[in-house]
Amino acid sequence: MPSQRPQSADEPPRVPPSDCYFENGLIVYTAAYHLNRGQCCGSGCRHCPYEPRHTKGSERVSKAVLTIQDGDGDRGR
């Protein structure tokens, strides 16, 4: 198994492919990424799962996100 070199401060963070996707040349983080992060970054992210939305430091998860995680939400997108 190859060893991974330590990440330098100049590199962007390494993110698993399931936590983001690219759209029009921009990286879009999923709600799962934000939940793992633990709080809102305040950058106006499309999939922000926190309330109030886009408020840096928010840690309260939206009821809509909790419903989807429990399997009761509408996934017909």
C-alpha atoms as a PDB file:
ATOM      1  CA  MET A   1       0.000   0.000   0.000  1.00  0.00           C
ATOM      2  CA  PRO A   2       1.556   3.331  -1.029  1.00  0.00           C
ATOM      3  CA  SER A   3       2.121   5.834   1.736  1.00  0.00           C
ATOM      4  CA  GLN A   4       0.435   9.207   1.422  1.00  0.00           C
ATOM      5  CA  ARG A   5       2.542  12.287   1.724  1.00  0.00           C
ATOM      6  CA  PRO A   6       1.374  14.896   4.244  1.00  0.00           C
ATOM      7  CA  GLN A   7      -0.796  17.652   2.851  1.00  0.00           C
ATOM      8  CA  SER A   8       0.920  21.034   2.689  1.00  0.00           C
ATOM      9  CA  ALA A   9      -0.780  24.252   3.741  1.00  0.00           C
ATOM     10  CA  ASP A  10      -0.625  25.463   0.099  1.00  0.00           C
ATOM     11  CA  GLU A  11      -2.759  22.591  -1.210  1.00  0.00           C
ATOM     12  CA  PRO A  12      -6.557  22.665  -1.302  1.00  0.00           C
ATOM     13  CA  PRO A  13      -8.168  20.218   1.151  1.00  0.00           C
ATOM     14  CA  ARG A  14      -8.511  16.615  -0.040  1.00  0.00           C
ATOM     15  CA  VAL A  15     -12.185  15.769  -0.335  1.00  0.00           C
ATOM     16  CA  PRO A  16     -13.669  12.347  -1.132  1.00  0.00           C
ATOM     17  CA  PRO A  17     -15.411  12.338  -4.550  1.00  0.00           C
ATOM     18  CA  SER A  18     -18.760  11.590  -2.880  1.00  0.00           C
ATOM     19  CA  ASP A  19     -18.575  14.913  -1.029  1.00  0.00           C
ATOM     20  CA  CYS A  20     -18.380  17.200  -4.054  1.00  0.00           C
ATOM     21  CA  TYR A  21     -18.931  17.571  -7.777  1.00  0.00           C
ATOM     22  CA  PHE A  22     -17.924  20.061 -10.458  1.00  0.00           C
ATOM     23  CA  GLU A  23     -20.389  22.348 -12.196  1.00  0.00           C
ATOM     24  CA  ASN A  24     -19.393  24.990 -14.742  1.00  0.00           C
ATOM     25  CA  GLY A  25     -15.789  24.771 -13.559  1.00  0.00           C
ATOM     26  CA  LEU A  26     -16.677  25.291  -9.894  1.00  0.00           C
ATOM     27  CA  ILE A  27     -16.546  22.787  -7.048  1.00  0.00           C
ATOM     28  CA  VAL A  28     -19.910  22.219  -5.346  1.00  0.00           C
ATOM     29  CA  TYR A  29     -19.858  20.573  -1.916  1.00  0.00           C
ATOM     30  CA  THR A  30     -22.705  18.229  -0.949  1.00  0.00           C
ATOM     31  CA  ALA A  31     -24.745  18.437   2.245  1.00  0.00           C
ATOM     32  CA  ALA A  32     -22.814  15.371   3.454  1.00  0.00           C
ATOM     33  CA  TYR A  33     -19.551  17.315   3.193  1.00  0.00           C
ATOM     34  CA  HIS A  34     -20.997  20.211   5.175  1.00  0.00           C
ATOM     35  CA  LEU A  35     -22.402  17.908   7.856  1.00  0.00           C
ATOM     36  CA  ASN A  36     -18.979  16.294   8.270  1.00  0.00           C
ATOM     37  CA  ARG A  37     -17.465  19.762   8.517  1.00  0.00           C
ATOM     38  CA  GLY A  38     -19.672  20.411  11.542  1.00  0.00           C
ATOM     39  CA  GLN A  39     -20.720  24.014  10.981  1.00  0.00           C
ATOM     40  CA  CYS A  40     -21.624  26.551   8.310  1.00  0.00           C
ATOM     41  CA  CYS A  41     -18.719  28.264   6.573  1.00  0.00           C
ATOM     42  CA  GLY A  42     -20.834  31.315   5.663  1.00  0.00           C
ATOM     43  CA  SER A  43     -19.933  31.179   1.954  1.00  0.00           C
ATOM     44  CA  GLY A  44     -23.475  30.827   0.588  1.00  0.00           C
ATOM     45  CA  CYS A  45     -23.103  27.173  -0.412  1.00  0.00           C
ATOM     46  CA  ARG A  46     -25.887  25.617  -2.495  1.00  0.00           C
ATOM     47  CA  HIS A  47     -26.283  22.564  -0.249  1.00  0.00           C
ATOM     48  CA  CYS A  48     -25.896  24.273   3.137  1.00  0.00           C
ATOM     49  CA  PRO A  49     -27.679  22.001   5.651  1.00  0.00           C
ATOM     50  CA  TYR A  50     -27.590  24.442   8.571  1.00  0.00           C
ATOM     51  CA  GLU A  51     -30.081  26.913  10.008  1.00  0.00           C
ATOM     52  CA  PRO A  52     -29.948  29.812   9.640  1.00  0.00           C
ATOM     53  CA  ARG A  53     -28.523  29.196   6.164  1.00  0.00           C
ATOM     54  CA  HIS A  54     -25.275  30.825   5.125  1.00  0.00           C
ATOM     55  CA  THR A  55     -24.520  32.069   8.629  1.00  0.00           C
ATOM     56  CA  LYS A  56     -20.923  31.329   9.557  1.00  0.00           C
ATOM     57  CA  GLY A  57     -20.682  29.127  12.630  1.00  0.00           C
ATOM     58  CA  SER A  58     -24.276  27.808  12.508  1.00  0.00           C
ATOM     59  CA  GLU A  59     -24.385  24.240  13.831  1.00  0.00           C
ATOM     60  CA  ARG A  60     -28.124  23.523  13.945  1.00  0.00           C
ATOM     61  CA  VAL A  61     -29.056  21.105  11.142  1.00  0.00           C
ATOM     62  CA  SER A  62     -32.125  21.955   9.062  1.00  0.00           C
ATOM     63  CA  LYS A  63     -35.222  19.827   9.757  1.00  0.00           C
ATOM     64  CA  ALA A  64     -35.496  19.152   6.010  1.00  0.00           C
ATOM     65  CA  VAL A  65     -32.019  17.586   5.993  1.00  0.00           C
ATOM     66  CA  LEU A  66     -32.806  15.487   9.050  1.00  0.00           C
ATOM     67  CA  THR A  67     -35.974  14.207   7.328  1.00  0.00           C
ATOM     68  CA  ILE A  68     -34.006  13.146   4.243  1.00  0.00           C
ATOM     69  CA  GLN A  69     -31.364  11.416   6.385  1.00  0.00           C
ATOM     70  CA  ASP A  70     -34.089   9.449   8.178  1.00  0.00           C
ATOM     71  CA  GLY A  71     -35.452   8.228   4.846  1.00  0.00           C
ATOM     72  CA  ASP A  72     -38.764  10.083   5.093  1.00  0.00           C
ATOM     73  CA  GLY A  73     -37.883  12.861   2.646  1.00  0.00           C
ATOM     74  CA  ASP A  74     -38.859  13.178  -0.997  1.00  0.00           C
ATOM     75  CA  ARG A  75     -35.946  11.891  -3.044  1.00  0.00           C
ATOM     76  CA  GLY A  76     -37.677  12.194  -6.417  1.00  0.00           C
ATOM     77  CA  ARG A  77     -35.370  14.852  -7.807  1.00  0.00           C
END
